[in-house]
Protein backbone atom coordinates (compact mmCIF):
# COMPACT_ATOMS: atom_id res chain seq x y z
CA MET A 1 -41.45 49.51 76.75
CA ARG A 2 -42.53 47.23 79.37
CA PRO A 3 -46.26 46.61 80.06
CA ASP A 4 -46.18 46.27 83.74
CA VAL A 5 -45.05 49.87 84.04
CA LEU A 6 -46.26 53.21 84.82
CA ARG A 7 -45.60 55.81 82.19
CA ILE A 8 -45.65 59.49 83.77
CA LEU A 9 -45.04 62.59 81.96
CA VAL A 10 -43.97 65.61 83.53
CA ILE A 11 -44.11 69.00 82.12
CA ARG A 12 -41.92 72.28 83.24
CA LEU A 13 -40.24 74.20 80.66
CA SER A 14 -38.87 76.76 82.45
CA SER A 15 -37.15 78.52 84.40
CA MET A 16 -34.49 77.60 86.74
CA GLY A 17 -35.79 78.08 90.44
CA ASP A 18 -39.39 76.64 88.93
CA ILE A 19 -37.65 73.63 87.67
CA ILE A 20 -35.67 73.07 91.02
CA LEU A 21 -39.10 73.32 92.95
CA THR A 22 -41.01 70.44 91.19
CA THR A 23 -38.16 68.23 92.88
CA PRO A 24 -40.63 67.18 95.65
CA ALA A 25 -43.58 66.39 93.61
CA LEU A 26 -41.05 63.98 91.55
CA THR A 27 -39.77 62.39 94.78
CA ALA A 28 -43.48 61.96 95.99
CA LEU A 29 -44.60 60.32 92.94
CA LYS A 30 -41.67 57.61 93.09
CA ALA A 31 -42.15 56.86 96.59
CA HIS A 32 -46.12 56.23 96.09
CA TYR A 33 -45.68 54.17 92.31
CA PRO A 34 -42.94 51.11 92.78
CA ARG A 35 -42.96 50.63 89.24
CA VAL A 36 -43.01 53.86 87.39
CA GLN A 37 -41.17 55.36 84.67
CA LEU A 38 -40.86 59.10 85.00
CA ASP A 39 -40.11 61.58 82.03
CA PHE A 40 -39.51 64.94 82.26
CA VAL A 41 -39.72 68.00 79.60
CA VAL A 42 -37.55 70.93 79.98
CA LYS A 43 -36.29 73.51 77.93
CA GLU A 44 -32.79 72.24 77.03
CA ARG A 45 -30.64 75.00 78.54
CA TYR A 46 -31.94 73.64 82.05
CA ALA A 47 -31.96 70.02 81.28
CA GLU A 48 -28.49 69.33 82.90
CA LEU A 49 -30.06 70.18 86.49
CA PHE A 50 -31.66 66.42 86.23
CA GLN A 51 -28.45 64.68 85.32
CA GLY A 52 -27.99 62.25 88.11
CA HIS A 53 -30.90 62.63 89.69
CA PRO A 54 -32.82 59.70 91.08
CA HIS A 55 -35.98 60.36 90.44
CA VAL A 56 -36.09 61.26 86.85
CA ASP A 57 -35.56 58.27 84.41
CA ASN A 58 -36.05 60.08 80.99
CA LEU A 59 -35.01 63.64 80.28
CA LEU A 60 -36.90 65.41 77.26
CA PRO A 61 -35.18 68.48 76.67
CA LEU A 62 -36.74 70.70 74.35
CA SER A 63 -34.73 72.65 72.10
CA GLN A 64 -35.22 76.23 70.30
CA ARG A 65 -35.38 74.44 66.93
CA ASP A 66 -38.33 71.98 68.46
CA GLY A 67 -41.30 72.75 67.81
CA LEU A 68 -44.46 71.91 69.97
CA LEU A 69 -45.97 70.17 67.08
CA SER A 70 -42.47 67.86 66.68
CA MET A 71 -41.95 67.07 70.32
CA GLY A 72 -45.88 66.14 70.67
CA CYS A 73 -45.53 63.55 67.92
CA ARG A 74 -42.52 62.14 69.54
CA LEU A 75 -43.99 62.08 72.67
CA ARG A 76 -47.33 60.19 71.43
CA ARG A 77 -45.38 57.37 70.45
CA GLN A 78 -44.36 56.86 74.59
CA HIS A 79 -47.88 56.31 75.43
CA HIS A 80 -47.49 58.20 78.82
CA HIS A 81 -50.84 56.96 81.17
CA ILE A 82 -50.62 60.22 83.35
CA VAL A 83 -49.55 63.58 82.08
CA LEU A 84 -48.52 65.76 84.69
CA ASP A 85 -48.42 70.09 83.50
CA LEU A 86 -46.40 71.69 85.99
CA HIS A 87 -46.10 74.91 84.46
CA ALA A 88 -49.84 75.67 83.16
CA ASN A 89 -48.99 78.07 80.28
CA LEU A 90 -50.04 77.92 76.85
CA ARG A 91 -47.30 75.82 75.58
CA SER A 92 -47.52 73.62 78.41
CA ARG A 93 -51.09 73.15 77.92
CA ALA A 94 -50.92 72.89 73.85
CA LEU A 95 -48.44 70.54 74.34
CA THR A 96 -50.41 68.33 77.18
CA ALA A 97 -53.60 68.64 74.37
CA ILE A 98 -51.81 67.09 71.99
CA LEU A 99 -50.90 63.58 73.89
CA PRO A 100 -53.54 60.77 74.17
CA ALA A 101 -52.90 59.70 78.08
CA PRO A 102 -55.87 58.52 79.57
CA ARG A 103 -55.03 60.69 82.36
CA LYS A 104 -54.03 64.42 82.74
CA LEU A 105 -53.40 66.80 85.36
CA ARG A 106 -52.43 70.26 86.11
CA TYR A 107 -51.51 72.44 88.81
CA ARG A 108 -53.53 75.40 89.61
CA LYS A 109 -51.36 78.78 88.99
CA ARG A 110 -53.64 80.87 91.02
CA THR A 111 -52.70 83.37 88.26
CA ILE A 112 -55.68 85.85 88.76
CA ARG A 113 -54.32 85.85 92.85
CA ARG A 114 -51.05 86.90 91.56
CA TRP A 115 -52.08 89.49 89.33
CA ALA A 116 -54.44 91.37 92.34
CA MET A 117 -51.58 90.88 94.47
CA VAL A 118 -49.57 92.47 92.37
CA ARG A 119 -51.81 95.08 90.25
CA LEU A 120 -54.78 95.76 92.98
CA GLY A 121 -52.70 95.45 96.27
CA TYR A 122 -54.41 92.39 97.59
CA ARG A 123 -53.02 90.50 100.72
CA PRO A 124 -54.50 87.29 100.96
CA GLN A 125 -54.44 85.54 104.43
CA GLU A 126 -52.82 82.56 103.59
CA SER A 127 -49.65 82.34 100.85
CA PRO A 128 -49.04 78.79 99.81
CA HIS A 129 -45.56 77.92 98.57
CA VAL A 130 -45.69 76.91 94.72
CA VAL A 131 -44.15 73.62 95.89
CA ASP A 132 -47.36 73.07 97.60
CA LEU A 133 -49.52 73.91 95.27
CA TYR A 134 -47.18 71.31 93.06
CA LEU A 135 -47.76 68.31 95.26
CA ARG A 136 -51.52 69.26 95.82
CA SER A 137 -51.64 68.37 92.08
CA LEU A 138 -51.01 65.01 92.78
CA ARG A 139 -53.91 64.71 95.31
CA PRO A 140 -56.41 63.06 92.43
CA LEU A 141 -53.89 59.98 92.38
CA GLY A 142 -54.57 59.68 96.27
CA ILE A 143 -50.88 60.91 97.04
CA GLU A 144 -50.39 63.06 100.44
CA PRO A 145 -46.37 63.74 100.18
CA SER A 146 -44.89 64.68 103.70
CA GLY A 147 -41.33 65.96 102.21
CA ARG A 148 -41.44 69.42 100.42
CA ARG A 149 -37.69 70.48 100.42
CA PRO A 150 -36.27 70.69 96.76
CA ARG A 151 -33.29 68.37 96.16
CA LEU A 152 -30.44 68.27 93.73
CA TYR A 153 -27.70 65.46 93.02
CA LEU A 154 -23.90 65.91 92.30
CA LEU A 155 -22.05 63.26 90.35
CA GLU A 156 -18.70 62.50 91.74
CA SER A 157 -16.38 64.14 88.92
CA GLU A 158 -18.57 67.42 90.08
CA ARG A 159 -17.44 67.01 93.79
CA GLU A 160 -13.88 66.25 92.28
CA PHE A 161 -14.40 69.64 90.48
CA GLN A 162 -15.41 71.64 93.61
CA LYS A 163 -12.52 70.44 95.69
CA GLN A 164 -9.86 71.08 93.02
CA PHE A 165 -11.55 74.59 92.55
CA TYR A 166 -11.54 75.47 96.32
CA LEU A 167 -7.81 74.25 96.56
CA ARG A 168 -6.60 76.07 93.61
CA HIS A 169 -8.26 79.61 95.58
CA ARG A 170 -7.09 78.48 99.07
CA LEU A 171 -10.91 78.18 100.09
CA GLY A 172 -12.24 75.75 102.84
CA ASP A 173 -9.51 75.25 105.09
CA ALA A 174 -11.00 75.82 109.20
CA ARG A 175 -12.89 79.11 108.08
CA PRO A 176 -16.10 79.06 106.47
CA VAL A 177 -16.98 79.98 102.78
CA VAL A 178 -19.43 82.11 102.22
CA GLY A 179 -21.28 82.25 98.71
CA LEU A 180 -21.95 85.81 97.83
CA HIS A 181 -24.54 86.24 94.45
CA PRO A 182 -25.00 89.75 93.78
CA GLY A 183 -27.28 89.23 90.38
CA ALA A 184 -30.58 88.25 89.28
CA ARG A 185 -31.96 87.67 86.55
CA TRP A 186 -33.86 91.45 86.54
CA PRO A 187 -31.71 94.40 87.72
CA GLY A 188 -34.65 95.55 90.02
CA LYS A 189 -34.25 92.44 92.26
CA ARG A 190 -30.82 93.07 93.10
CA TRP A 191 -29.91 94.48 96.45
CA PRO A 192 -27.03 96.90 95.90
CA GLU A 193 -23.73 95.80 95.02
CA GLU A 194 -21.97 98.46 97.19
CA ARG A 195 -23.88 96.42 100.41
CA PHE A 196 -22.71 93.21 98.72
CA ILE A 197 -18.90 94.56 99.00
CA GLN A 198 -19.71 96.06 102.95
CA LEU A 199 -21.45 92.32 103.96
CA GLY A 200 -18.33 90.51 102.67
CA GLN A 201 -15.96 92.70 104.43
CA ARG A 202 -18.05 92.31 107.58
CA LEU A 203 -17.89 88.94 107.39
CA ARG A 204 -14.64 88.58 107.23
CA GLU A 205 -13.94 90.66 110.04
CA GLU A 206 -16.16 89.20 112.20
CA ARG A 207 -16.40 85.65 111.43
CA ARG A 208 -13.06 85.13 109.39
CA ALA A 209 -15.11 84.03 106.49
CA GLN A 210 -13.88 83.27 103.00
CA ILE A 211 -15.81 85.20 100.13
CA LEU A 212 -16.62 83.79 97.05
CA VAL A 213 -18.35 85.78 94.65
CA PHE A 214 -20.80 84.30 92.07
CA GLY A 215 -22.40 85.51 88.69
CA GLY A 216 -24.22 83.90 85.72
CA ALA A 217 -24.24 84.82 82.27
CA GLY A 218 -24.37 89.02 81.88
CA GLU A 219 -23.67 89.26 85.73
CA GLU A 220 -19.43 89.20 84.87
CA ASP A 221 -19.42 92.62 85.52
CA LEU A 222 -20.94 92.99 88.43
CA GLY A 223 -19.41 90.05 89.83
CA ALA A 224 -16.28 91.23 89.22
CA ARG A 225 -17.07 94.83 90.66
CA VAL A 226 -18.26 93.07 93.69
CA ALA A 227 -14.84 90.89 94.67
CA GLN A 228 -12.60 93.83 93.55
CA GLY A 229 -13.97 96.03 96.00
CA LEU A 230 -13.52 93.03 98.92
CA GLU A 231 -9.75 92.41 97.25
CA PRO A 232 -7.98 92.43 94.10
CA ASP A 233 -7.66 88.92 93.97
CA ALA A 234 -10.79 87.36 95.88
CA PRO A 235 -11.86 84.33 94.37
CA MET A 236 -14.70 84.30 91.62
CA ALA A 237 -17.23 81.72 90.36
CA LEU A 238 -18.66 83.26 86.97
CA ASN A 239 -19.58 82.29 83.75
CA LEU A 240 -20.36 78.47 84.82
CA THR A 241 -22.50 75.98 83.53
CA LEU A 242 -25.34 74.73 85.90
CA ARG A 243 -23.46 71.61 86.95
CA GLN A 244 -20.37 73.72 88.09
CA LEU A 245 -22.51 76.33 89.78
CA MET A 246 -24.39 73.44 91.62
CA ALA A 247 -20.71 71.83 92.63
CA LEU A 248 -18.89 75.42 93.53
CA ILE A 249 -22.43 76.28 95.70
CA SER A 250 -22.63 72.88 97.66
CA GLY A 251 -18.99 73.63 99.16
CA CYS A 252 -20.83 76.89 100.87
CA ALA A 253 -21.19 77.36 104.18
CA LEU A 254 -23.90 79.86 103.55
CA PHE A 255 -25.31 81.54 100.53
CA ILE A 256 -26.36 84.94 100.41
CA THR A 257 -28.59 85.89 97.69
CA ASN A 258 -31.19 87.80 95.82
CA ASP A 259 -34.42 86.11 95.16
CA SER A 260 -32.99 84.10 92.04
CA GLY A 261 -32.55 80.58 90.71
CA PRO A 262 -29.33 79.91 92.74
CA MET A 263 -31.30 80.99 95.54
CA HIS A 264 -33.49 77.54 95.44
CA MET A 265 -30.04 75.84 93.93
CA ALA A 266 -28.75 76.36 96.94
CA THR A 267 -31.31 75.09 99.17
CA ALA A 268 -31.87 72.35 97.31
CA LEU A 269 -28.12 70.98 97.97
CA GLU A 270 -28.61 71.62 101.49
CA VAL A 271 -26.73 75.16 101.97
CA PRO A 272 -27.85 77.37 104.11
CA VAL A 273 -29.58 80.85 102.55
CA VAL A 274 -29.73 84.76 103.38
CA ALA A 275 -32.50 85.58 100.88
CA ILE A 276 -32.89 89.11 100.42
CA PHE A 277 -36.84 90.34 98.33
CA GLY A 278 -37.15 93.45 97.07
CA PRO A 279 -40.08 94.13 94.55
CA THR A 280 -40.91 90.11 94.47
CA GLN A 281 -42.48 88.81 98.13
CA PRO A 282 -42.13 85.67 99.63
CA SER A 283 -46.01 85.95 99.60
CA LEU A 284 -45.98 85.17 95.88
CA GLY A 285 -44.56 81.73 96.57
CA PHE A 286 -40.90 81.18 96.24
CA TRP A 287 -39.35 81.79 98.95
CA PRO A 288 -36.66 79.27 99.60
CA LEU A 289 -37.25 76.20 102.02
CA GLY A 290 -34.40 75.05 103.94
CA ALA A 291 -35.00 74.66 107.79
CA GLU A 292 -32.24 77.08 108.70
CA ASP A 293 -32.79 79.84 105.42
CA ALA A 294 -33.27 83.23 106.16
CA VAL A 295 -35.92 85.67 104.41
CA LEU A 296 -35.43 89.14 104.54
CA THR A 297 -37.78 92.03 102.98
CA ALA A 298 -38.56 95.35 104.24
CA GLN A 299 -42.62 94.59 104.34
CA LEU A 300 -43.66 97.67 102.42
CA THR A 301 -47.31 98.25 101.49
CA CYS A 302 -46.10 98.68 98.05
CA SER A 303 -44.48 95.63 97.63
CA PRO A 304 -44.91 92.83 95.87
CA CYS A 305 -44.99 95.16 92.78
CA SER A 306 -43.97 92.50 90.26
CA LEU A 307 -44.50 89.00 89.82
CA HIS A 308 -40.45 88.51 88.65
CA GLY A 309 -38.99 92.10 89.44
CA GLU A 310 -38.98 92.62 85.50
CA LYS A 311 -40.61 96.53 86.14
CA ARG A 312 -39.29 99.66 87.23
CA CYS A 313 -40.03 100.60 90.73
CA PRO A 314 -43.23 102.48 90.27
CA GLN A 315 -42.43 104.96 93.37
CA GLY A 316 -38.86 105.28 92.00
CA ASN A 317 -36.74 104.76 94.94
CA TRP A 318 -36.40 101.45 95.44
CA LEU A 319 -37.53 101.49 99.17
CA CYS A 320 -37.76 97.93 99.03
CA LEU A 321 -34.04 96.63 98.45
CA LYS A 322 -32.49 99.96 99.84
CA ARG A 323 -34.47 99.60 103.88
CA ILE A 324 -32.71 96.19 104.30
CA GLY A 325 -29.72 97.18 105.55
CA VAL A 326 -25.92 95.36 105.65
CA GLN A 327 -26.58 94.60 109.56
CA ASP A 328 -29.89 93.37 108.93
CA VAL A 329 -28.25 90.72 106.55
CA LEU A 330 -24.95 90.44 108.83
CA GLN A 331 -27.45 89.45 111.68
CA ALA A 332 -29.10 86.71 109.69
CA ALA A 333 -25.69 85.33 108.57
CA LEU A 334 -24.14 85.55 111.65
CA GLY A 335 -26.84 83.29 113.17
CA ILE A 336 -26.98 80.61 110.47
CA LEU A 337 -23.08 80.70 110.58
CA ASP A 338 -22.53 80.56 114.41
CA ARG A 339 -25.28 77.65 114.77
CA ARG A 340 -23.75 75.39 112.12
CA ARG A 341 -19.91 75.81 114.00
CA LYS A 342 -21.91 74.97 117.29
CA ALA A 343 -23.70 72.02 115.44
CA ILE A 344 -20.08 71.00 113.93
CA GLU A 345 -18.51 71.11 117.61
CA LYS A 346 -21.06 69.02 119.13
CA ASN A 347 -20.73 66.45 116.43
CA ASN A 348 -16.88 66.58 117.00
CA ARG A 349 -16.88 66.09 120.75
CA PRO A 350 -15.85 63.05 122.35
CA VAL A 351 -18.34 60.84 123.62
């Protein structure tokens, strides 16, 4: 343990999207401190997100077998100078309290504000992104970062995995590959699956797009139904590891998704996103941050009615999702695909 190196511990235990959104803060810390060791505590199931990440020196996975006290005892021996809590829940607060670091910082979660938006219909004029809230927690250190887009990094072996998968499924010729992700952790956040099918059909008709259907654990049947609705042998990317998911998303020209962790993953891999929001709203602070990304919402006065989309529709009709039509999503998708095609043609034009 070198005495001339500043040791910073960052805590964000879950979930996928929230963890990905911490990466601008990691970049800012590394840029501000030339000699820093950056350690990151995260639940074991999400640790692989940071494999090969240039701004994380040590990953400290918290497994289900580990208690907070056990993890705290391990961390106490590391003698961190700064602890940065980017989760701000009971567990992360307890873990921070155990540690003897001279300086402890925590991001302002604005829990009451979010509760008022969901429960009382409060609509603030300003709606900061959670990335901006993470970055504001660095101000006591004199850090005013400029970049706010999240970043993930692939290993060369994963690029090869993506290449072989695309070759095997005859993806990635002159036609654009469009990823469709009809799932989400909570069913209440899912745009109707039949509309994903209609959307995929329209994209193939209008831009000769190749469709790759994505799905995570528990979404196998949903993904298979959407793929079968497109064509019997439509390619599917189901039940992947996080690293495999990253690799296959990285090859897409466009990723169309519900509000979900893979939405932020695509943005962090510089893949343009069309994001569909229903009971959760961008105003809660979790919209995708890519320059080309498009966010679609029905703008109903009853939304947001849930912080995570885990609750049933209070109105019993899910209009926040049903009022987003196939044509709405198609127009957003075609706009992104056409702008990318023109940019590629311009770059390939002889000087």
